[in-house]
PDB file of N, CA and C in Angstrom:
ATOM      1  N   UNK A   1      27.508  11.604   8.032  1.00  0.00           N
ATOM      2  CA  UNK A   1      26.332  11.593   7.145  1.00  0.00           C
ATOM      3  C   UNK A   1      26.731  12.407   5.876  1.00  0.00           C
ATOM      4  N   UNK A   2      26.488  11.871   4.711  1.00  0.00           N
ATOM      5  CA  UNK A   2      26.761  12.592   3.511  1.00  0.00           C
ATOM      6  C   UNK A   2      25.457  12.898   2.809  1.00  0.00           C
ATOM      7  N   UNK A   3      24.866  13.931   3.313  1.00  0.00           N
ATOM      8  CA  UNK A   3      23.515  14.342   2.750  1.00  0.00           C
ATOM      9  C   UNK A   3      23.452  15.844   2.649  1.00  0.00           C
ATOM     10  N   UNK A   4      22.772  16.335   1.639  1.00  0.00           N
ATOM     11  CA  UNK A   4      22.603  17.785   1.443  1.00  0.00           C
ATOM     12  C   UNK A   4      21.626  18.310   2.484  1.00  0.00           C
ATOM     13  N   UNK A   5      20.744  17.444   3.028  1.00  0.00           N
ATOM     14  CA  UNK A   5      19.716  17.902   3.942  1.00  0.00           C
ATOM     15  C   UNK A   5      19.842  17.212   5.321  1.00  0.00           C
ATOM     16  N   UNK A   6      19.443  17.894   6.364  1.00  0.00           N
ATOM     17  CA  UNK A   6      19.375  17.364   7.708  1.00  0.00           C
ATOM     18  C   UNK A   6      18.035  16.703   7.881  1.00  0.00           C
ATOM     19  N   UNK A   7      17.881  15.975   9.077  1.00  0.00           N
ATOM     20  CA  UNK A   7      16.594  15.300   9.339  1.00  0.00           C
ATOM     21  C   UNK A   7      15.409  16.256   9.395  1.00  0.00           C
ATOM     22  N   UNK A   8      15.707  17.536   9.844  1.00  0.00           N
ATOM     23  CA  UNK A   8      14.607  18.529   9.882  1.00  0.00           C
ATOM     24  C   UNK A   8      14.306  19.182   8.560  1.00  0.00           C
ATOM     25  N   UNK A   9      14.938  18.775   7.444  1.00  0.00           N
ATOM     26  CA  UNK A   9      14.730  19.268   6.121  1.00  0.00           C
ATOM     27  C   UNK A   9      15.584  20.465   5.752  1.00  0.00           C
ATOM     28  N   UNK A  10      16.329  20.999   6.722  1.00  0.00           N
ATOM     29  CA  UNK A  10      17.185  22.173   6.447  1.00  0.00           C
ATOM     30  C   UNK A  10      18.468  21.707   5.816  1.00  0.00           C
ATOM     31  N   UNK A  11      19.146  22.581   5.119  1.00  0.00           N
ATOM     32  CA  UNK A  11      20.432  22.262   4.491  1.00  0.00           C
ATOM     33  C   UNK A  11      21.452  21.839   5.517  1.00  0.00           C
ATOM     34  N   UNK A  12      22.284  20.845   5.146  1.00  0.00           N
ATOM     35  CA  UNK A  12      23.361  20.409   5.994  1.00  0.00           C
ATOM     36  C   UNK A  12      24.517  21.387   5.850  1.00  0.00           C
ATOM     37  N   UNK A  13      24.961  22.062   6.928  1.00  0.00           N
ATOM     38  CA  UNK A  13      25.962  23.086   6.813  1.00  0.00           C
ATOM     39  C   UNK A  13      27.371  22.494   6.446  1.00  0.00           C
ATOM     40  N   UNK A  14      27.578  21.224   6.608  1.00  0.00           N
ATOM     41  CA  UNK A  14      28.869  20.617   6.319  1.00  0.00           C
ATOM     42  C   UNK A  14      28.908  19.910   4.979  1.00  0.00           C
ATOM     43  N   UNK A  15      27.776  20.020   4.208  1.00  0.00           N
ATOM     44  CA  UNK A  15      27.694  19.397   2.905  1.00  0.00           C
ATOM     45  C   UNK A  15      28.671  20.030   1.923  1.00  0.00           C
ATOM     46  N   UNK A  16      29.434  19.162   1.232  1.00  0.00           N
ATOM     47  CA  UNK A  16      30.322  19.666   0.187  1.00  0.00           C
ATOM     48  C   UNK A  16      29.960  18.867  -1.118  1.00  0.00           C
ATOM     49  N   UNK A  17      29.590  19.615  -2.172  1.00  0.00           N
ATOM     50  CA  UNK A  17      29.255  18.965  -3.394  1.00  0.00           C
ATOM     51  C   UNK A  17      30.454  18.320  -4.061  1.00  0.00           C
ATOM     52  N   UNK A  18      30.290  17.126  -4.626  1.00  0.00           N
ATOM     53  CA  UNK A  18      31.362  16.368  -5.220  1.00  0.00           C
ATOM     54  C   UNK A  18      31.009  14.969  -5.651  1.00  0.00           C
ATOM     55  N   UNK A  19      31.980  14.269  -6.080  1.00  0.00           N
ATOM     56  CA  UNK A  19      31.764  12.869  -6.505  1.00  0.00           C
ATOM     57  C   UNK A  19      31.396  12.002  -5.366  1.00  0.00           C
ATOM     58  N   UNK A  20      30.515  11.047  -5.586  1.00  0.00           N
ATOM     59  CA  UNK A  20      30.074  10.164  -4.554  1.00  0.00           C
ATOM     60  C   UNK A  20      30.021   8.774  -5.093  1.00  0.00           C
ATOM     61  N   UNK A  21      30.517   7.787  -4.383  1.00  0.00           N
ATOM     62  CA  UNK A  21      30.446   6.378  -4.790  1.00  0.00           C
ATOM     63  C   UNK A  21      29.949   5.569  -3.615  1.00  0.00           C
ATOM     64  N   UNK A  22      29.189   4.573  -3.969  1.00  0.00           N
ATOM     65  CA  UNK A  22      28.697   3.662  -2.945  1.00  0.00           C
ATOM     66  C   UNK A  22      28.886   2.231  -3.515  1.00  0.00           C
ATOM     67  N   UNK A  23      30.047   1.677  -3.362  1.00  0.00           N
ATOM     68  CA  UNK A  23      30.298   0.382  -3.944  1.00  0.00           C
ATOM     69  C   UNK A  23      29.536  -0.760  -3.230  1.00  0.00           C
ATOM     70  N   UNK A  24      28.892  -1.572  -4.046  1.00  0.00           N
ATOM     71  CA  UNK A  24      28.102  -2.694  -3.493  1.00  0.00           C
ATOM     72  C   UNK A  24      28.664  -4.040  -4.049  1.00  0.00           C
ATOM     73  N   UNK A  25      28.769  -4.977  -3.163  1.00  0.00           N
ATOM     74  CA  UNK A  25      29.151  -6.300  -3.605  1.00  0.00           C
ATOM     75  C   UNK A  25      27.886  -7.153  -3.872  1.00  0.00           C
ATOM     76  N   UNK A  26      26.851  -6.907  -3.195  1.00  0.00           N
ATOM     77  CA  UNK A  26      25.589  -7.626  -3.498  1.00  0.00           C
ATOM     78  C   UNK A  26      24.414  -6.903  -2.812  1.00  0.00           C
ATOM     79  N   UNK A  27      23.228  -7.238  -3.283  1.00  0.00           N
ATOM     80  CA  UNK A  27      21.980  -6.707  -2.675  1.00  0.00           C
ATOM     81  C   UNK A  27      21.085  -7.904  -2.373  1.00  0.00           C
ATOM     82  N   UNK A  28      20.599  -7.984  -1.179  1.00  0.00           N
ATOM     83  CA  UNK A  28      19.782  -9.117  -0.762  1.00  0.00           C
ATOM     84  C   UNK A  28      18.542  -8.634  -0.001  1.00  0.00           C
ATOM     85  N   UNK A  29      17.549  -9.487  -0.096  1.00  0.00           N
ATOM     86  CA  UNK A  29      16.322  -9.225   0.690  1.00  0.00           C
ATOM     87  C   UNK A  29      16.482  -9.922   2.054  1.00  0.00           C
ATOM     88  N   UNK A  30      15.669  -9.586   2.957  1.00  0.00           N
ATOM     89  CA  UNK A  30      15.731 -10.187   4.264  1.00  0.00           C
ATOM     90  C   UNK A  30      15.222 -11.595   4.282  1.00  0.00           C
ATOM     91  N   UNK A  31      14.204 -11.935   3.476  1.00  0.00           N
ATOM     92  CA  UNK A  31      13.606 -13.245   3.416  1.00  0.00           C
ATOM     93  C   UNK A  31      14.079 -14.054   2.285  1.00  0.00           C
ATOM     94  N   UNK A  32      14.334 -15.302   2.508  1.00  0.00           N
ATOM     95  CA  UNK A  32      14.735 -16.206   1.436  1.00  0.00           C
ATOM     96  C   UNK A  32      13.552 -16.468   0.454  1.00  0.00           C
ATOM     97  N   UNK A  33      12.372 -16.678   1.106  1.00  0.00           N
ATOM     98  CA  UNK A  33      11.169 -16.988   0.293  1.00  0.00           C
ATOM     99  C   UNK A  33      10.125 -15.888   0.621  1.00  0.00           C
ATOM    100  N   UNK A  34       9.510 -15.388  -0.360  1.00  0.00           N
ATOM    101  CA  UNK A  34       8.448 -14.329  -0.129  1.00  0.00           C
ATOM    102  C   UNK A  34       7.284 -14.958   0.608  1.00  0.00           C
ATOM    103  N   UNK A  35       6.695 -14.244   1.522  1.00  0.00           N
ATOM    104  CA  UNK A  35       5.560 -14.644   2.240  1.00  0.00           C
ATOM    105  C   UNK A  35       4.277 -14.186   1.429  1.00  0.00           C
ATOM    106  N   UNK A  36       3.526 -15.082   1.011  1.00  0.00           N
ATOM    107  CA  UNK A  36       2.307 -14.733   0.240  1.00  0.00           C
ATOM    108  C   UNK A  36       1.053 -15.223   1.005  1.00  0.00           C
ATOM    109  N   UNK A  37       0.020 -14.501   0.913  1.00  0.00           N
ATOM    110  CA  UNK A  37      -1.243 -14.916   1.598  1.00  0.00           C
ATOM    111  C   UNK A  37      -1.639 -16.279   1.171  1.00  0.00           C
ATOM    112  N   UNK A  38      -2.068 -17.089   2.124  1.00  0.00           N
ATOM    113  CA  UNK A  38      -2.552 -18.447   1.856  1.00  0.00           C
ATOM    114  C   UNK A  38      -4.060 -18.397   1.583  1.00  0.00           C
ATOM    115  N   UNK A  39      -4.718 -17.476   2.225  1.00  0.00           N
ATOM    116  CA  UNK A  39      -6.159 -17.320   2.091  1.00  0.00           C
ATOM    117  C   UNK A  39      -6.551 -15.922   2.421  1.00  0.00           C
ATOM    118  N   UNK A  40      -7.699 -15.473   1.954  1.00  0.00           N
ATOM    119  CA  UNK A  40      -8.239 -14.171   2.272  1.00  0.00           C
ATOM    120  C   UNK A  40      -9.650 -14.422   2.832  1.00  0.00           C
ATOM    121  N   UNK A  41      -9.890 -13.914   4.021  1.00  0.00           N
ATOM    122  CA  UNK A  41     -11.227 -14.078   4.621  1.00  0.00           C
ATOM    123  C   UNK A  41     -12.058 -12.872   4.243  1.00  0.00           C
ATOM    124  N   UNK A  42     -13.235 -13.140   3.649  1.00  0.00           N
ATOM    125  CA  UNK A  42     -14.100 -12.085   3.233  1.00  0.00           C
ATOM    126  C   UNK A  42     -15.431 -12.191   3.982  1.00  0.00           C
ATOM    127  N   UNK A  43     -15.566 -11.295   4.954  1.00  0.00           N
ATOM    128  CA  UNK A  43     -16.899 -11.262   5.715  1.00  0.00           C
ATOM    129  C   UNK A  43     -17.907 -10.693   4.747  1.00  0.00           C
ATOM    130  N   UNK A  44     -19.164 -10.845   5.252  1.00  0.00           N
ATOM    131  CA  UNK A  44     -20.303 -10.365   4.365  1.00  0.00           C
ATOM    132  C   UNK A  44     -20.522  -8.888   4.521  1.00  0.00           C
ATOM    133  N   UNK A  45     -19.944  -8.274   5.529  1.00  0.00           N
ATOM    134  CA  UNK A  45     -20.149  -6.816   5.797  1.00  0.00           C
ATOM    135  C   UNK A  45     -19.744  -6.017   4.593  1.00  0.00           C
ATOM    136  N   UNK A  46     -20.639  -5.259   4.095  1.00  0.00           N
ATOM    137  CA  UNK A  46     -20.298  -4.373   3.001  1.00  0.00           C
ATOM    138  C   UNK A  46     -20.424  -4.972   1.584  1.00  0.00           C
ATOM    139  N   UNK A  47     -20.667  -6.315   1.531  1.00  0.00           N
ATOM    140  CA  UNK A  47     -20.611  -6.983   0.257  1.00  0.00           C
ATOM    141  C   UNK A  47     -21.795  -6.528  -0.675  1.00  0.00           C
ATOM    142  N   UNK A  48     -22.878  -6.134  -0.096  1.00  0.00           N
ATOM    143  CA  UNK A  48     -24.001  -5.708  -0.911  1.00  0.00           C
ATOM    144  C   UNK A  48     -24.077  -4.187  -1.161  1.00  0.00           C
ATOM    145  N   UNK A  49     -23.088  -3.514  -0.695  1.00  0.00           N
ATOM    146  CA  UNK A  49     -23.134  -2.032  -0.771  1.00  0.00           C
ATOM    147  C   UNK A  49     -22.530  -1.434  -2.031  1.00  0.00           C
ATOM    148  N   UNK A  50     -21.471  -1.906  -2.617  1.00  0.00           N
ATOM    149  CA  UNK A  50     -20.805  -1.253  -3.742  1.00  0.00           C
ATOM    150  C   UNK A  50     -21.711  -0.823  -4.920  1.00  0.00           C
ATOM    151  N   UNK A  51     -22.651  -1.620  -5.235  1.00  0.00           N
ATOM    152  CA  UNK A  51     -23.435  -1.324  -6.465  1.00  0.00           C
ATOM    153  C   UNK A  51     -24.771  -0.684  -6.163  1.00  0.00           C
ATOM    154  N   UNK A  52     -24.956  -0.220  -4.934  1.00  0.00           N
ATOM    155  CA  UNK A  52     -26.213   0.482  -4.623  1.00  0.00           C
ATOM    156  C   UNK A  52     -26.285   1.844  -5.306  1.00  0.00           C
ATOM    157  N   UNK A  53     -27.347   2.166  -5.952  1.00  0.00           N
ATOM    158  CA  UNK A  53     -27.473   3.521  -6.556  1.00  0.00           C
ATOM    159  C   UNK A  53     -27.546   4.570  -5.489  1.00  0.00           C
ATOM    160  N   UNK A  54     -26.864   5.708  -5.737  1.00  0.00           N
ATOM    161  CA  UNK A  54     -26.887   6.856  -4.859  1.00  0.00           C
ATOM    162  C   UNK A  54     -26.083   6.667  -3.594  1.00  0.00           C
ATOM    163  N   UNK A  55     -25.218   5.672  -3.553  1.00  0.00           N
ATOM    164  CA  UNK A  55     -24.396   5.383  -2.364  1.00  0.00           C
ATOM    165  C   UNK A  55     -23.356   6.506  -2.167  1.00  0.00           C
ATOM    166  N   UNK A  56     -23.330   7.070  -0.966  1.00  0.00           N
ATOM    167  CA  UNK A  56     -22.277   8.098  -0.652  1.00  0.00           C
ATOM    168  C   UNK A  56     -21.052   7.393  -0.059  1.00  0.00           C
ATOM    169  N   UNK A  57     -20.026   7.192  -0.886  1.00  0.00           N
ATOM    170  CA  UNK A  57     -18.904   6.454  -0.463  1.00  0.00           C
ATOM    171  C   UNK A  57     -18.156   7.094   0.646  1.00  0.00           C
ATOM    172  N   UNK A  58     -18.251   8.385   0.822  1.00  0.00           N
ATOM    173  CA  UNK A  58     -17.535   9.043   1.929  1.00  0.00           C
ATOM    174  C   UNK A  58     -18.049   8.562   3.279  1.00  0.00           C
ATOM    175  N   UNK A  59     -19.271   8.057   3.306  1.00  0.00           N
ATOM    176  CA  UNK A  59     -19.829   7.580   4.626  1.00  0.00           C
ATOM    177  C   UNK A  59     -19.691   6.062   4.813  1.00  0.00           C
ATOM    178  N   UNK A  60     -18.958   5.408   3.906  1.00  0.00           N
ATOM    179  CA  UNK A  60     -18.874   3.962   3.953  1.00  0.00           C
ATOM    180  C   UNK A  60     -17.546   3.502   4.597  1.00  0.00           C
ATOM    181  N   UNK A  61     -17.508   2.262   5.049  1.00  0.00           N
ATOM    182  CA  UNK A  61     -16.270   1.774   5.581  1.00  0.00           C
ATOM    183  C   UNK A  61     -15.165   1.680   4.494  1.00  0.00           C
ATOM    184  N   UNK A  62     -13.874   1.635   4.833  1.00  0.00           N
ATOM    185  CA  UNK A  62     -12.772   1.607   3.898  1.00  0.00           C
ATOM    186  C   UNK A  62     -12.863   0.578   2.763  1.00  0.00           C
ATOM    187  N   UNK A  63     -13.260  -0.618   3.233  1.00  0.00           N
ATOM    188  CA  UNK A  63     -13.329  -1.704   2.217  1.00  0.00           C
ATOM    189  C   UNK A  63     -14.325  -1.381   1.083  1.00  0.00           C
ATOM    190  N   UNK A  64     -15.439  -0.682   1.448  1.00  0.00           N
ATOM    191  CA  UNK A  64     -16.450  -0.338   0.465  1.00  0.00           C
ATOM    192  C   UNK A  64     -15.930   0.839  -0.443  1.00  0.00           C
ATOM    193  N   UNK A  65     -15.250   1.800   0.191  1.00  0.00           N
ATOM    194  CA  UNK A  65     -14.714   2.873  -0.585  1.00  0.00           C
ATOM    195  C   UNK A  65     -13.667   2.408  -1.561  1.00  0.00           C
ATOM    196  N   UNK A  66     -12.860   1.385  -1.187  1.00  0.00           N
ATOM    197  CA  UNK A  66     -11.768   0.914  -1.948  1.00  0.00           C
ATOM    198  C   UNK A  66     -12.027  -0.311  -2.774  1.00  0.00           C
ATOM    199  N   UNK A  67     -13.311  -0.655  -2.975  1.00  0.00           N
ATOM    200  CA  UNK A  67     -13.602  -1.846  -3.685  1.00  0.00           C
ATOM    201  C   UNK A  67     -12.965  -1.874  -5.052  1.00  0.00           C
ATOM    202  N   UNK A  68     -13.001  -0.775  -5.757  1.00  0.00           N
ATOM    203  CA  UNK A  68     -12.339  -0.750  -7.128  1.00  0.00           C
ATOM    204  C   UNK A  68     -10.831  -1.004  -7.047  1.00  0.00           C
ATOM    205  N   UNK A  69     -10.172  -0.336  -6.107  1.00  0.00           N
ATOM    206  CA  UNK A  69      -8.733  -0.471  -5.904  1.00  0.00           C
ATOM    207  C   UNK A  69      -8.371  -1.872  -5.412  1.00  0.00           C
ATOM    208  N   UNK A  70      -9.280  -2.479  -4.730  1.00  0.00           N
ATOM    209  CA  UNK A  70      -9.079  -3.909  -4.224  1.00  0.00           C
ATOM    210  C   UNK A  70      -9.556  -4.909  -5.262  1.00  0.00           C
ATOM    211  N   UNK A  71      -9.561  -4.515  -6.501  1.00  0.00           N
ATOM    212  CA  UNK A  71      -9.891  -5.400  -7.612  1.00  0.00           C
ATOM    213  C   UNK A  71     -11.332  -5.982  -7.469  1.00  0.00           C
ATOM    214  N   UNK A  72     -12.257  -5.125  -6.970  1.00  0.00           N
ATOM    215  CA  UNK A  72     -13.630  -5.476  -6.834  1.00  0.00           C
ATOM    216  C   UNK A  72     -13.906  -6.739  -6.002  1.00  0.00           C
ATOM    217  N   UNK A  73     -13.152  -6.808  -4.891  1.00  0.00           N
ATOM    218  CA  UNK A  73     -13.304  -7.982  -4.012  1.00  0.00           C
ATOM    219  C   UNK A  73     -14.626  -8.138  -3.416  1.00  0.00           C
ATOM    220  N   UNK A  74     -15.292  -7.023  -3.044  1.00  0.00           N
ATOM    221  CA  UNK A  74     -16.606  -7.113  -2.466  1.00  0.00           C
ATOM    222  C   UNK A  74     -17.629  -7.560  -3.499  1.00  0.00           C
ATOM    223  N   UNK A  75     -17.451  -7.149  -4.714  1.00  0.00           N
ATOM    224  CA  UNK A  75     -18.379  -7.541  -5.819  1.00  0.00           C
ATOM    225  C   UNK A  75     -18.232  -9.062  -6.013  1.00  0.00           C
ATOM    226  N   UNK A  76     -17.018  -9.577  -5.993  1.00  0.00           N
ATOM    227  CA  UNK A  76     -16.787 -11.029  -6.099  1.00  0.00           C
ATOM    228  C   UNK A  76     -17.401 -11.721  -4.933  1.00  0.00           C
ATOM    229  N   UNK A  77     -17.265 -11.158  -3.724  1.00  0.00           N
ATOM    230  CA  UNK A  77     -17.874 -11.818  -2.552  1.00  0.00           C
ATOM    231  C   UNK A  77     -19.376 -11.907  -2.679  1.00  0.00           C
ATOM    232  N   UNK A  78     -20.002 -10.858  -3.193  1.00  0.00           N
ATOM    233  CA  UNK A  78     -21.420 -10.824  -3.373  1.00  0.00           C
ATOM    234  C   UNK A  78     -21.852 -11.922  -4.403  1.00  0.00           C
ATOM    235  N   UNK A  79     -21.120 -12.094  -5.446  1.00  0.00           N
ATOM    236  CA  UNK A  79     -21.451 -13.121  -6.482  1.00  0.00           C
ATOM    237  C   UNK A  79     -21.341 -14.513  -5.966  1.00  0.00           C
ATOM    238  N   UNK A  80     -20.364 -14.766  -5.128  1.00  0.00           N
ATOM    239  CA  UNK A  80     -20.175 -16.228  -4.636  1.00  0.00           C
ATOM    240  C   UNK A  80     -21.085 -16.503  -3.410  1.00  0.00           C
ATOM    241  N   UNK A  81     -21.612 -15.423  -2.805  1.00  0.00           N
ATOM    242  CA  UNK A  81     -22.447 -15.657  -1.571  1.00  0.00           C
ATOM    243  C   UNK A  81     -23.884 -15.814  -1.857  1.00  0.00           C
ATOM    244  N   UNK A  82     -24.372 -15.240  -2.964  1.00  0.00           N
ATOM    245  CA  UNK A  82     -25.873 -15.278  -3.202  1.00  0.00           C
ATOM    246  C   UNK A  82     -26.174 -15.983  -4.437  1.00  0.00           C
TER     247      UNK A  82
END
């Protein structure tokens, strides 16, 4: 192992500073084709919650708390459902 640190985070006692090379002939991914979602199922649970005034997000399910990070998916669900 050529590392300055051990698995436990402590310094490697056999580490010697110096030049290091890692020659590569190629880099490949494991999959030939990327797997992309074919559909996304959106249940109605939580769809009406994100825009409620005074909503305490800390007490809501993860999907409600992360609506903004999930590109407002619950807001979209609400618009197409009602």
